[in-house]
Amino acid sequence: METRINLFENPISAKFFKRFANAGLVIQQSSLPHSVQELVSLRASQINGCGWCIDMHTKEATAAGENAVRLHLVAAWRESTVFTDAERAALAFAEEGTRLADAHQGVSDETWAQVRKHFDDDQLAALVCQVGLINAANRVAVIAHQPGGSYEAGMFAAALG
């Protein structure tokens, strides 16, 4: 796959991504556990088929100390024993929030109740924003054919300086 446009060099998209990264900082600085942020981003990216974001979030999570076994099992989290109840609720939320076209109601009341049980208002707000943000990032990267495989931890932050 060949990249259609270098979004980091184009002045419009580079300006956009600086603002996008600033929005991400609000979530990163929230009380939502960083591991949950990365697991949610990874799962949504898997669903959306975004190689760039899968590469990025796998490597960022690894750099932050995330266990490789857990990262490998994100795609099959329902059939895995390595995730906490809170992480399972967040992964279900990420899936339902990503697959909006698959369900007329979006996130089910049952899934909402589960995340409500594990996360306070600030964490829940960050989780909602995280799912929205990663889905937007996935779409931009897939449209531009941004391939996975070349990302190095910290690269996105460094590119936006």
Protein backbone atom coordinates (compact mmCIF):
# COMPACT_ATOMS: atom_id res chain seq x y z
CA MET A 1 0.00 0.00 0.00
CA GLU A 2 1.30 3.40 -0.92
CA THR A 3 0.49 6.45 1.20
CA ARG A 4 -1.78 8.81 -0.71
CA ILE A 5 -0.64 11.99 1.04
CA ASN A 6 1.90 12.80 3.73
CA LEU A 7 -0.38 14.25 6.37
CA PHE A 8 2.54 15.27 8.58
CA GLU A 9 4.12 17.46 5.89
CA ASN A 10 0.99 19.07 4.45
CA PRO A 11 0.46 22.44 6.19
CA ILE A 12 -3.32 22.02 6.59
CA SER A 13 -3.22 18.49 8.00
CA ALA A 14 -0.12 19.24 10.11
CA LYS A 15 -1.99 22.15 11.71
CA PHE A 16 -5.03 19.93 12.20
CA PHE A 17 -2.96 17.18 13.86
CA LYS A 18 -1.41 19.63 16.31
CA ARG A 19 -4.89 20.53 17.49
CA PHE A 20 -5.92 16.88 17.40
CA ALA A 21 -2.94 15.99 19.59
CA ASN A 22 -3.89 18.75 22.03
CA ALA A 23 -7.36 17.22 22.31
CA GLY A 24 -5.68 13.90 23.01
CA LEU A 25 -3.63 15.51 25.78
CA VAL A 26 -6.83 16.31 27.67
CA ILE A 27 -7.64 12.60 27.72
CA GLN A 28 -4.04 11.54 28.50
CA GLN A 29 -3.98 13.91 31.47
CA SER A 30 -7.31 12.67 32.80
CA SER A 31 -7.75 10.10 35.55
CA LEU A 32 -8.76 7.44 33.02
CA PRO A 33 -6.00 4.83 33.38
CA HIS A 34 -3.46 5.03 30.56
CA SER A 35 -3.71 1.28 30.03
CA VAL A 36 -7.45 1.62 29.39
CA GLN A 37 -6.81 4.46 26.95
CA GLU A 38 -4.39 2.32 24.94
CA LEU A 39 -6.53 -0.84 25.05
CA VAL A 40 -9.57 1.11 23.85
CA SER A 41 -7.56 2.77 21.06
CA LEU A 42 -6.11 -0.56 20.00
CA ARG A 43 -9.50 -2.30 19.90
CA ALA A 44 -11.21 0.44 17.90
CA SER A 45 -8.26 0.50 15.49
CA GLN A 46 -8.50 -3.27 15.01
CA ILE A 47 -12.20 -2.99 14.20
CA ASN A 48 -11.55 -0.15 11.75
CA GLY A 49 -8.59 -1.91 10.11
CA CYS A 50 -6.22 0.98 10.78
CA GLY A 51 -2.68 -0.41 10.53
CA TRP A 52 -1.06 2.90 11.45
CA CYS A 53 -3.05 3.26 14.67
CA ILE A 54 -2.69 -0.42 15.61
CA ASP A 55 1.07 -0.03 15.18
CA MET A 56 1.12 3.24 17.14
CA HIS A 57 -0.99 2.13 20.09
CA THR A 58 0.68 -1.25 20.40
CA LYS A 59 4.11 0.38 20.53
CA GLU A 60 3.04 3.23 22.82
CA ALA A 61 1.41 0.73 25.21
CA THR A 62 4.53 -1.44 25.17
CA ALA A 63 6.74 1.58 25.88
CA ALA A 64 4.47 2.41 28.83
CA GLY A 65 5.01 -1.09 30.23
CA GLU A 66 1.92 -2.89 28.95
CA ASN A 67 2.17 -6.69 28.86
CA ALA A 68 2.60 -8.19 25.36
CA VAL A 69 0.20 -11.03 26.15
CA ARG A 70 -2.59 -8.57 26.93
CA LEU A 71 -1.92 -6.62 23.73
CA HIS A 72 -2.07 -9.81 21.68
CA LEU A 73 -5.37 -10.77 23.27
CA VAL A 74 -7.21 -7.47 22.80
CA ALA A 75 -8.85 -8.76 19.61
CA ALA A 76 -10.22 -11.72 21.58
CA TRP A 77 -10.79 -10.01 24.93
CA ARG A 78 -14.09 -11.79 25.55
CA GLU A 79 -12.31 -15.16 25.39
CA SER A 80 -9.38 -14.01 27.55
CA THR A 81 -8.70 -13.99 31.28
CA VAL A 82 -6.11 -11.20 31.36
CA PHE A 83 -8.42 -8.17 31.55
CA THR A 84 -10.07 -6.65 34.62
CA ASP A 85 -13.82 -6.11 34.79
CA ALA A 86 -13.26 -2.38 34.25
CA GLU A 87 -11.12 -3.04 31.16
CA ARG A 88 -13.72 -5.46 29.82
CA ALA A 89 -16.42 -2.82 30.25
CA ALA A 90 -14.24 -0.25 28.46
CA LEU A 91 -13.50 -2.68 25.60
CA ALA A 92 -17.21 -3.43 25.16
CA PHE A 93 -17.88 0.32 25.19
CA ALA A 94 -15.15 0.88 22.57
CA GLU A 95 -16.61 -1.80 20.32
CA GLU A 96 -20.17 -0.51 20.54
CA GLY A 97 -19.04 3.10 20.16
CA THR A 98 -17.04 2.14 17.08
CA ARG A 99 -19.67 -0.04 15.42
CA LEU A 100 -22.43 2.56 15.44
CA ALA A 101 -23.82 1.40 12.10
CA ASP A 102 -24.22 -2.13 13.45
CA ALA A 103 -26.66 -1.14 16.20
CA HIS A 104 -29.40 1.45 16.02
CA GLN A 105 -28.80 2.53 19.61
CA GLY A 106 -25.00 2.82 19.59
CA VAL A 107 -23.78 1.94 23.07
CA SER A 108 -26.31 -0.32 24.81
CA ASP A 109 -27.79 0.51 28.19
CA GLU A 110 -26.17 -2.65 29.58
CA THR A 111 -22.70 -1.59 28.44
CA TRP A 112 -23.30 1.96 29.69
CA ALA A 113 -24.25 0.55 33.10
CA GLN A 114 -21.05 -1.52 33.18
CA VAL A 115 -18.75 1.42 32.43
CA ARG A 116 -20.74 3.54 34.89
CA LYS A 117 -20.02 0.92 37.56
CA HIS A 118 -16.25 1.12 37.02
CA PHE A 119 -15.54 4.73 36.07
CA ASP A 120 -16.38 8.07 37.67
CA ASP A 121 -17.81 11.01 35.69
CA ASP A 122 -14.40 12.40 34.68
CA GLN A 123 -13.12 9.00 33.59
CA LEU A 124 -16.33 8.29 31.72
CA ALA A 125 -16.12 11.64 29.92
CA ALA A 126 -12.52 10.83 28.95
CA LEU A 127 -13.59 7.37 27.74
CA VAL A 128 -16.34 8.83 25.55
CA CYS A 129 -13.87 11.34 24.11
CA GLN A 130 -11.21 8.64 23.62
CA VAL A 131 -13.56 6.49 21.56
CA GLY A 132 -14.56 9.48 19.44
CA LEU A 133 -10.97 10.62 18.98
CA ILE A 134 -9.55 7.22 17.99
CA ASN A 135 -12.36 6.63 15.51
CA ALA A 136 -11.61 9.98 13.87
CA ALA A 137 -7.89 9.15 13.75
CA ASN A 138 -8.64 5.74 12.24
CA ARG A 139 -10.70 7.26 9.49
CA VAL A 140 -8.09 9.86 8.56
CA ALA A 141 -5.29 7.27 8.48
CA VAL A 142 -7.30 4.70 6.49
CA ILE A 143 -8.45 7.29 3.94
CA ALA A 144 -4.85 8.48 3.43
CA HIS A 145 -3.52 4.88 3.31
CA GLN A 146 -1.14 5.52 6.19
CA PRO A 147 0.49 2.07 6.58
CA GLY A 148 1.46 0.44 9.84
CA GLY A 149 4.88 -0.91 10.63
CA SER A 150 7.21 2.06 10.75
CA TYR A 151 5.96 3.78 13.89
CA GLU A 152 8.31 4.20 16.85
CA ALA A 153 7.08 5.05 20.36
CA GLY A 154 6.97 8.82 20.87
CA MET A 155 7.05 9.52 17.13
CA PHE A 156 3.62 11.19 16.95
CA ALA A 157 4.36 13.53 19.82
CA ALA A 158 7.78 14.39 18.36
CA ALA A 159 6.32 15.10 14.91
CA LEU A 160 3.90 17.59 16.39
CA GLY A 161 6.59 19.26 18.49
